[in-house]
Structures are given as C-alpha cells and as structure tokens.
C-alpha cells in the first residue's frame, strides 16, 4: 500500500500514515528503521510504501519505505 505520513512523534518514533484508500494506520519505530530508512528522516507529508500487519487492536503499517516522489 501507499500513503502519506500525517504524524510523527520524535519522542518515541511512532506515527501515522493516511493510506490511499482513506484509512489512517499507525506505525512504530521498529517498522521503519529495519528498511535502511531512519525514522528521523520520515516527516509529515512524505510519501511512503508499506505493508499492513493485522494485530489485536487494529492494523499497523510495517516495512515502511519512503518513496522519492513525495506529494505536495
């Protein structure tokens, strides 16, 4: 899936992504750093690609990768 980053917390490295389908999904620090992308490089408005992982409460974004063609 693809979407754009809507929130990033510098305190704990988590954030949210507005997916192209209109749903907002959250990500944790561990979902970003493992792909060669530093979570400090992720900012609001960055266009990303990610996978959904279904957990107990709600789906989360994992394998978050920044795409070079940011929107806006």
C-alpha atoms as a PDB file:
ATOM      1  CA  UNK A   1       0.000   0.000   0.000  1.00  0.00           C
ATOM      2  CA  UNK A   2       0.968   3.630  -0.335  1.00  0.00           C
ATOM      3  CA  UNK A   3       0.114   6.783   1.536  1.00  0.00           C
ATOM      4  CA  UNK A   4       1.484   9.923   3.138  1.00  0.00           C
ATOM      5  CA  UNK A   5       2.790  10.492   6.646  1.00  0.00           C
ATOM      6  CA  UNK A   6       0.349  12.569   8.710  1.00  0.00           C
ATOM      7  CA  UNK A   7       2.023  12.463  12.147  1.00  0.00           C
ATOM      8  CA  UNK A   8       5.440  11.619  13.556  1.00  0.00           C
ATOM      9  CA  UNK A   9       6.417  11.569  17.210  1.00  0.00           C
ATOM     10  CA  UNK A  10      10.114  12.318  17.712  1.00  0.00           C
ATOM     11  CA  UNK A  11       9.794  11.154  21.327  1.00  0.00           C
ATOM     12  CA  UNK A  12       9.002   7.515  20.592  1.00  0.00           C
ATOM     13  CA  UNK A  13       9.469   7.242  16.802  1.00  0.00           C
ATOM     14  CA  UNK A  14       5.887   6.259  16.066  1.00  0.00           C
ATOM     15  CA  UNK A  15       3.493   7.954  13.682  1.00  0.00           C
ATOM     16  CA  UNK A  16       0.514   7.690  11.366  1.00  0.00           C
ATOM     17  CA  UNK A  17       0.021   7.301   7.638  1.00  0.00           C
ATOM     18  CA  UNK A  18      -3.033   8.270   5.603  1.00  0.00           C
ATOM     19  CA  UNK A  19      -3.332   5.427   3.106  1.00  0.00           C
ATOM     20  CA  UNK A  20      -4.545   5.940  -0.447  1.00  0.00           C
ATOM     21  CA  UNK A  21      -7.761   4.114   0.461  1.00  0.00           C
ATOM     22  CA  UNK A  22      -8.575   6.850   3.017  1.00  0.00           C
ATOM     23  CA  UNK A  23      -7.798   4.835   6.155  1.00  0.00           C
ATOM     24  CA  UNK A  24      -5.268   6.010   8.706  1.00  0.00           C
ATOM     25  CA  UNK A  25      -2.811   3.434  10.026  1.00  0.00           C
ATOM     26  CA  UNK A  26      -0.138   3.806  12.680  1.00  0.00           C
ATOM     27  CA  UNK A  27       3.457   2.646  12.650  1.00  0.00           C
ATOM     28  CA  UNK A  28       6.066   2.028  15.321  1.00  0.00           C
ATOM     29  CA  UNK A  29       9.772   2.822  15.279  1.00  0.00           C
ATOM     30  CA  UNK A  30      10.623  -0.814  14.531  1.00  0.00           C
ATOM     31  CA  UNK A  31       8.539  -0.693  11.312  1.00  0.00           C
ATOM     32  CA  UNK A  32      10.796   1.982   9.822  1.00  0.00           C
ATOM     33  CA  UNK A  33      14.397   1.510  10.955  1.00  0.00           C
ATOM     34  CA  UNK A  34      14.730  -2.040   9.642  1.00  0.00           C
ATOM     35  CA  UNK A  35      14.487  -0.918   5.997  1.00  0.00           C
ATOM     36  CA  UNK A  36      17.541   1.318   5.847  1.00  0.00           C
ATOM     37  CA  UNK A  37      15.326   4.346   6.475  1.00  0.00           C
ATOM     38  CA  UNK A  38      15.994   6.241   9.664  1.00  0.00           C
ATOM     39  CA  UNK A  39      12.786   7.241  11.441  1.00  0.00           C
ATOM     40  CA  UNK A  40      14.309  10.723  11.878  1.00  0.00           C
ATOM     41  CA  UNK A  41      14.213  11.061   8.068  1.00  0.00           C
ATOM     42  CA  UNK A  42      10.449  10.500   7.985  1.00  0.00           C
ATOM     43  CA  UNK A  43       8.478  13.734   8.136  1.00  0.00           C
ATOM     44  CA  UNK A  44       4.851  14.796   7.753  1.00  0.00           C
ATOM     45  CA  UNK A  45       3.953  14.850   4.071  1.00  0.00           C
ATOM     46  CA  UNK A  46       6.464  12.218   2.964  1.00  0.00           C
ATOM     47  CA  UNK A  47       5.006   9.677   0.569  1.00  0.00           C
ATOM     48  CA  UNK A  48       5.646   6.092   1.691  1.00  0.00           C
ATOM     49  CA  UNK A  49       5.022   2.487   0.765  1.00  0.00           C
ATOM     50  CA  UNK A  50       4.133  -0.017   3.473  1.00  0.00           C
ATOM     51  CA  UNK A  51       2.518  -3.341   4.289  1.00  0.00           C
ATOM     52  CA  UNK A  52      -0.334  -3.910   6.700  1.00  0.00           C
ATOM     53  CA  UNK A  53       0.114  -6.219   9.639  1.00  0.00           C
ATOM     54  CA  UNK A  54      -3.048  -7.191  11.455  1.00  0.00           C
ATOM     55  CA  UNK A  55      -2.715  -7.150  15.236  1.00  0.00           C
ATOM     56  CA  UNK A  56      -5.057  -7.490  18.151  1.00  0.00           C
ATOM     57  CA  UNK A  57      -6.468  -3.956  18.172  1.00  0.00           C
ATOM     58  CA  UNK A  58      -6.083  -2.631  14.622  1.00  0.00           C
ATOM     59  CA  UNK A  59      -3.881  -2.957  11.556  1.00  0.00           C
ATOM     60  CA  UNK A  60      -0.414  -1.381  11.745  1.00  0.00           C
ATOM     61  CA  UNK A  61       1.952  -0.291   8.992  1.00  0.00           C
ATOM     62  CA  UNK A  62       5.161  -2.323   8.743  1.00  0.00           C
ATOM     63  CA  UNK A  63       8.093  -2.301   6.303  1.00  0.00           C
ATOM     64  CA  UNK A  64       7.607   1.446   5.819  1.00  0.00           C
ATOM     65  CA  UNK A  65       9.746   2.783   2.964  1.00  0.00           C
ATOM     66  CA  UNK A  66       9.930   6.403   1.847  1.00  0.00           C
ATOM     67  CA  UNK A  67       9.277   6.917  -1.844  1.00  0.00           C
ATOM     68  CA  UNK A  68      11.259   9.542  -3.715  1.00  0.00           C
ATOM     69  CA  UNK A  69       8.228  11.137  -5.360  1.00  0.00           C
ATOM     70  CA  UNK A  70       6.709  12.924  -2.355  1.00  0.00           C
ATOM     71  CA  UNK A  71       3.322  14.501  -2.871  1.00  0.00           C
ATOM     72  CA  UNK A  72       2.699  18.161  -2.158  1.00  0.00           C
END
